[in-house]
Structures are given as C-alpha cells and as structure tokens.
Amino acid sequence: MERTGTARWEGDLKSGKGSVRSERGAVNGSYSFGTRFGTDKSGTNPEELIATAHAACFSMALSAALSKAGSVPRSVETTATVKIEMQESGPAITGIELDCKADVPGIDADALNRTAEDAKKGCPVSKALAAVPITLKITRINS
C-alpha cells in the first residue's frame, strides 16, 4: 500500500506561494511563508498537516486497541500540537503533544492510560516521528 500527497511551490521563500493536495482530494489548499511562520489565516503549513495526520492516526490506533481489549469506544478525539522552534540550524520540530479525550464505557483510568500509551507507541505516524519527543494527555469522558 502506498499513499501520496503533492506540493507545488512557486517563487522565493518569503513572497512565494504553494499548493498542497492529497491523493484522494480530502486535503486541497494553499500554503505560504506567512501561513507557516507568520499570522496569515488563509492556508495551511507542513506542521499543521503533520499534526492532523498524527491526530487521525493516533485516534484510530487507540480505537483499535480499545476495541481489541473489549472496550469499544463511543468516541476518541485527539488534538495534536506540533511545536516548531528556531534553532541555530534553522526551524525544527521539537515536540508533539497529543491531547486525547476518549468516551469509553466500562474502562477504568489505569487501563485507558496503559492502552493509550501502547497505542501511541504503535501508531504508524508516531513511529515515523520517533525522532521527536511525543507526549500524551488522555482524558476519559462519559457522554
């Protein structure tokens, strides 16, 4: 299995512009220096796309792990925050925070925490981003 995404950049770094598109078209938009390092509201950036992919992957991994253990979740919602900092060598991703809220009937907090930590380690995107520290906050909610 392979998945693709396409990006095109036109012009120099600061005044140029780009566009991104996912293979199936769910992601289709613009990006720029301003959307990455400034305050431009219109468009996306690579770190936002990484955060979105990581949140989606972790939510699916946790749902699968919980279901396999016999605790099918009603919902799993994850927000991933990718931290980017300027370093001597230039901008670098220095950390990722996963903040997850899970509605899982009949599971205690310890079992949820253990399952979530295992899902974080097993999530394919977490594995791909293993060079960056990844933290996890899990909150059990009941709807």
C-alpha atoms as a PDB file:
ATOM      1  CA  MET A   1       0.000   0.000   0.000  1.00  0.00           C
ATOM      2  CA  GLU A   2       1.237   3.484  -0.837  1.00  0.00           C
ATOM      3  CA  ARG A   3      -0.317   6.894  -0.280  1.00  0.00           C
ATOM      4  CA  THR A   4       0.680  10.125  -1.974  1.00  0.00           C
ATOM      5  CA  GLY A   5       0.484  13.849  -1.465  1.00  0.00           C
ATOM      6  CA  THR A   6       1.623  16.561  -3.845  1.00  0.00           C
ATOM      7  CA  ALA A   7       3.024  20.021  -3.120  1.00  0.00           C
ATOM      8  CA  ARG A   8       3.983  22.741  -5.585  1.00  0.00           C
ATOM      9  CA  TRP A   9       5.940  25.886  -4.689  1.00  0.00           C
ATOM     10  CA  GLU A  10       6.297  28.972  -6.889  1.00  0.00           C
ATOM     11  CA  GLY A  11       8.713  31.814  -6.251  1.00  0.00           C
ATOM     12  CA  ASP A  12      11.143  32.624  -3.468  1.00  0.00           C
ATOM     13  CA  LEU A  13      10.695  31.609   0.167  1.00  0.00           C
ATOM     14  CA  LYS A  14       9.156  34.756   1.631  1.00  0.00           C
ATOM     15  CA  SER A  15       6.940  36.024  -1.192  1.00  0.00           C
ATOM     16  CA  GLY A  16       6.289  32.713  -2.938  1.00  0.00           C
ATOM     17  CA  LYS A  17       3.237  30.560  -2.588  1.00  0.00           C
ATOM     18  CA  GLY A  18       2.375  26.920  -2.758  1.00  0.00           C
ATOM     19  CA  SER A  19      -0.434  24.443  -3.014  1.00  0.00           C
ATOM     20  CA  VAL A  20      -0.929  21.003  -1.481  1.00  0.00           C
ATOM     21  CA  ARG A  21      -3.220  18.174  -2.479  1.00  0.00           C
ATOM     22  CA  SER A  22      -3.744  14.726  -1.078  1.00  0.00           C
ATOM     23  CA  GLU A  23      -4.145  11.692  -3.288  1.00  0.00           C
ATOM     24  CA  ARG A  24      -7.905  11.437  -2.791  1.00  0.00           C
ATOM     25  CA  GLY A  25      -8.540  15.170  -2.613  1.00  0.00           C
ATOM     26  CA  ALA A  26      -9.592  15.462   1.033  1.00  0.00           C
ATOM     27  CA  VAL A  27      -6.729  17.931   1.546  1.00  0.00           C
ATOM     28  CA  ASN A  28      -6.527  20.614  -1.099  1.00  0.00           C
ATOM     29  CA  GLY A  29      -5.259  24.057  -0.251  1.00  0.00           C
ATOM     30  CA  SER A  30      -2.609  26.717  -0.268  1.00  0.00           C
ATOM     31  CA  TYR A  31       0.404  27.418   1.916  1.00  0.00           C
ATOM     32  CA  SER A  32       2.938  30.202   2.206  1.00  0.00           C
ATOM     33  CA  PHE A  33       5.723  31.592   4.346  1.00  0.00           C
ATOM     34  CA  GLY A  34       3.049  33.574   6.172  1.00  0.00           C
ATOM     35  CA  THR A  35       0.902  30.526   6.968  1.00  0.00           C
ATOM     36  CA  ARG A  36       3.964  28.731   8.271  1.00  0.00           C
ATOM     37  CA  PHE A  37       5.838  31.401  10.199  1.00  0.00           C
ATOM     38  CA  GLY A  38       3.520  34.405  10.334  1.00  0.00           C
ATOM     39  CA  THR A  39      -0.030  35.277  11.108  1.00  0.00           C
ATOM     40  CA  ASP A  40      -1.726  34.611   7.770  1.00  0.00           C
ATOM     41  CA  LYS A  41      -5.034  32.901   8.466  1.00  0.00           C
ATOM     42  CA  SER A  42      -5.747  31.583   4.983  1.00  0.00           C
ATOM     43  CA  GLY A  43      -3.937  28.379   4.079  1.00  0.00           C
ATOM     44  CA  THR A  44      -2.048  25.614   5.841  1.00  0.00           C
ATOM     45  CA  ASN A  45       1.534  24.605   6.567  1.00  0.00           C
ATOM     46  CA  PRO A  46       3.562  21.389   6.833  1.00  0.00           C
ATOM     47  CA  GLU A  47       3.418  21.254  10.637  1.00  0.00           C
ATOM     48  CA  GLU A  48      -0.357  21.612  10.654  1.00  0.00           C
ATOM     49  CA  LEU A  49      -0.619  18.758   8.169  1.00  0.00           C
ATOM     50  CA  ILE A  50       1.692  16.604  10.332  1.00  0.00           C
ATOM     51  CA  ALA A  51      -0.438  17.420  13.392  1.00  0.00           C
ATOM     52  CA  THR A  52      -3.641  16.488  11.571  1.00  0.00           C
ATOM     53  CA  ALA A  53      -2.179  13.207  10.317  1.00  0.00           C
ATOM     54  CA  HIS A  54      -0.851  12.318  13.764  1.00  0.00           C
ATOM     55  CA  ALA A  55      -4.169  13.099  15.484  1.00  0.00           C
ATOM     56  CA  ALA A  56      -6.064  10.959  12.966  1.00  0.00           C
ATOM     57  CA  CYS A  57      -3.631   8.053  13.174  1.00  0.00           C
ATOM     58  CA  PHE A  58      -3.499   8.026  16.973  1.00  0.00           C
ATOM     59  CA  SER A  59      -7.304   8.219  17.275  1.00  0.00           C
ATOM     60  CA  MET A  60      -7.642   5.195  15.003  1.00  0.00           C
ATOM     61  CA  ALA A  61      -4.851   3.283  16.788  1.00  0.00           C
ATOM     62  CA  LEU A  62      -6.413   3.899  20.210  1.00  0.00           C
ATOM     63  CA  SER A  63      -9.869   2.917  18.979  1.00  0.00           C
ATOM     64  CA  ALA A  64      -8.461  -0.316  17.549  1.00  0.00           C
ATOM     65  CA  ALA A  65      -6.540  -1.150  20.733  1.00  0.00           C
ATOM     66  CA  LEU A  66      -9.534  -0.439  22.972  1.00  0.00           C
ATOM     67  CA  SER A  67     -11.856  -2.487  20.764  1.00  0.00           C
ATOM     68  CA  LYS A  68      -9.406  -5.396  20.713  1.00  0.00           C
ATOM     69  CA  ALA A  69      -9.337  -5.312  24.526  1.00  0.00           C
ATOM     70  CA  GLY A  70     -13.150  -5.454  24.628  1.00  0.00           C
ATOM     71  CA  SER A  71     -13.819  -1.777  25.396  1.00  0.00           C
ATOM     72  CA  VAL A  72     -15.283  -0.311  22.208  1.00  0.00           C
ATOM     73  CA  PRO A  73     -15.141   3.496  22.436  1.00  0.00           C
ATOM     74  CA  ARG A  74     -18.078   5.730  21.659  1.00  0.00           C
ATOM     75  CA  SER A  75     -15.593   8.356  20.502  1.00  0.00           C
ATOM     76  CA  VAL A  76     -11.908   9.230  20.505  1.00  0.00           C
ATOM     77  CA  GLU A  77     -10.953  12.843  19.777  1.00  0.00           C
ATOM     78  CA  THR A  78      -7.304  13.855  19.599  1.00  0.00           C
ATOM     79  CA  THR A  79      -5.675  17.225  19.123  1.00  0.00           C
ATOM     80  CA  ALA A  80      -2.013  17.069  18.133  1.00  0.00           C
ATOM     81  CA  THR A  81       0.146  20.129  18.644  1.00  0.00           C
ATOM     82  CA  VAL A  82       3.405  20.224  16.687  1.00  0.00           C
ATOM     83  CA  LYS A  83       5.979  22.570  18.203  1.00  0.00           C
ATOM     84  CA  ILE A  84       8.371  24.307  15.847  1.00  0.00           C
ATOM     85  CA  GLU A  85      11.258  26.406  17.127  1.00  0.00           C
ATOM     86  CA  MET A  86      14.040  28.373  15.524  1.00  0.00           C
ATOM     87  CA  GLN A  87      17.424  26.840  16.200  1.00  0.00           C
ATOM     88  CA  GLU A  88      20.906  27.721  15.007  1.00  0.00           C
ATOM     89  CA  SER A  89      20.470  25.385  12.041  1.00  0.00           C
ATOM     90  CA  GLY A  90      17.025  26.828  11.234  1.00  0.00           C
ATOM     91  CA  PRO A  91      13.464  25.879  12.140  1.00  0.00           C
ATOM     92  CA  ALA A  92      12.991  22.464  13.742  1.00  0.00           C
ATOM     93  CA  ILE A  93      10.099  20.399  15.040  1.00  0.00           C
ATOM     94  CA  THR A  94      10.968  19.999  18.718  1.00  0.00           C
ATOM     95  CA  GLY A  95       7.977  18.167  20.132  1.00  0.00           C
ATOM     96  CA  ILE A  96       4.474  16.880  19.597  1.00  0.00           C
ATOM     97  CA  GLU A  97       1.727  16.874  22.200  1.00  0.00           C
ATOM     98  CA  LEU A  98      -1.236  14.539  21.827  1.00  0.00           C
ATOM     99  CA  ASP A  99      -4.268  15.621  23.856  1.00  0.00           C
ATOM    100  CA  CYS A 100      -6.953  12.952  23.662  1.00  0.00           C
ATOM    101  CA  LYS A 101     -10.471  12.772  25.024  1.00  0.00           C
ATOM    102  CA  ALA A 102     -11.979   9.299  24.921  1.00  0.00           C
ATOM    103  CA  ASP A 103     -15.531   8.231  25.699  1.00  0.00           C
ATOM    104  CA  VAL A 104     -15.099   4.565  26.585  1.00  0.00           C
ATOM    105  CA  PRO A 105     -17.805   2.830  28.620  1.00  0.00           C
ATOM    106  CA  GLY A 106     -16.691   0.403  31.308  1.00  0.00           C
ATOM    107  CA  ILE A 107     -12.955   1.125  31.394  1.00  0.00           C
ATOM    108  CA  ASP A 108     -11.019   2.437  34.366  1.00  0.00           C
ATOM    109  CA  ALA A 109      -8.491   5.249  34.133  1.00  0.00           C
ATOM    110  CA  ASP A 110      -5.430   2.986  34.549  1.00  0.00           C
ATOM    111  CA  ALA A 111      -6.497   0.630  31.752  1.00  0.00           C
ATOM    112  CA  LEU A 112      -7.259   3.586  29.489  1.00  0.00           C
ATOM    113  CA  ASN A 113      -3.861   5.166  30.205  1.00  0.00           C
ATOM    114  CA  ARG A 114      -1.980   1.906  29.528  1.00  0.00           C
ATOM    115  CA  THR A 115      -3.890   1.283  26.304  1.00  0.00           C
ATOM    116  CA  ALA A 116      -3.338   4.878  25.160  1.00  0.00           C
ATOM    117  CA  GLU A 117       0.421   4.712  25.806  1.00  0.00           C
ATOM    118  CA  ASP A 118       0.616   1.444  23.856  1.00  0.00           C
ATOM    119  CA  ALA A 119      -1.407   2.981  21.008  1.00  0.00           C
ATOM    120  CA  LYS A 120       0.939   5.976  20.950  1.00  0.00           C
ATOM    121  CA  LYS A 121       3.935   3.666  20.576  1.00  0.00           C
ATOM    122  CA  GLY A 122       2.208   1.529  17.931  1.00  0.00           C
ATOM    123  CA  CYS A 123       0.678   4.305  15.843  1.00  0.00           C
ATOM    124  CA  PRO A 124       2.431   4.341  12.426  1.00  0.00           C
ATOM    125  CA  VAL A 125       2.722   8.136  12.427  1.00  0.00           C
ATOM    126  CA  SER A 126       4.213   8.091  15.951  1.00  0.00           C
ATOM    127  CA  LYS A 127       6.734   5.551  14.730  1.00  0.00           C
ATOM    128  CA  ALA A 128       7.611   7.738  11.734  1.00  0.00           C
ATOM    129  CA  LEU A 129       8.073  10.751  14.012  1.00  0.00           C
ATOM    130  CA  ALA A 130      10.061   8.894  16.685  1.00  0.00           C
ATOM    131  CA  ALA A 131      12.982  11.340  16.434  1.00  0.00           C
ATOM    132  CA  VAL A 132      10.746  13.957  18.099  1.00  0.00           C
ATOM    133  CA  PRO A 133       9.566  13.744  21.737  1.00  0.00           C
ATOM    134  CA  ILE A 134       5.856  12.863  21.801  1.00  0.00           C
ATOM    135  CA  THR A 135       3.799  13.438  24.946  1.00  0.00           C
ATOM    136  CA  LEU A 136       0.278  12.198  25.636  1.00  0.00           C
ATOM    137  CA  LYS A 137      -2.523  13.511  27.803  1.00  0.00           C
ATOM    138  CA  ILE A 138      -5.554  11.231  27.922  1.00  0.00           C
ATOM    139  CA  THR A 139      -8.878  12.253  29.460  1.00  0.00           C
ATOM    140  CA  ARG A 140     -11.760   9.868  29.962  1.00  0.00           C
ATOM    141  CA  ILE A 141     -15.144  11.419  29.272  1.00  0.00           C
ATOM    142  CA  ASN A 142     -18.591   9.966  29.592  1.00  0.00           C
ATOM    143  CA  SER A 143     -21.343  11.059  27.245  1.00  0.00           C
END
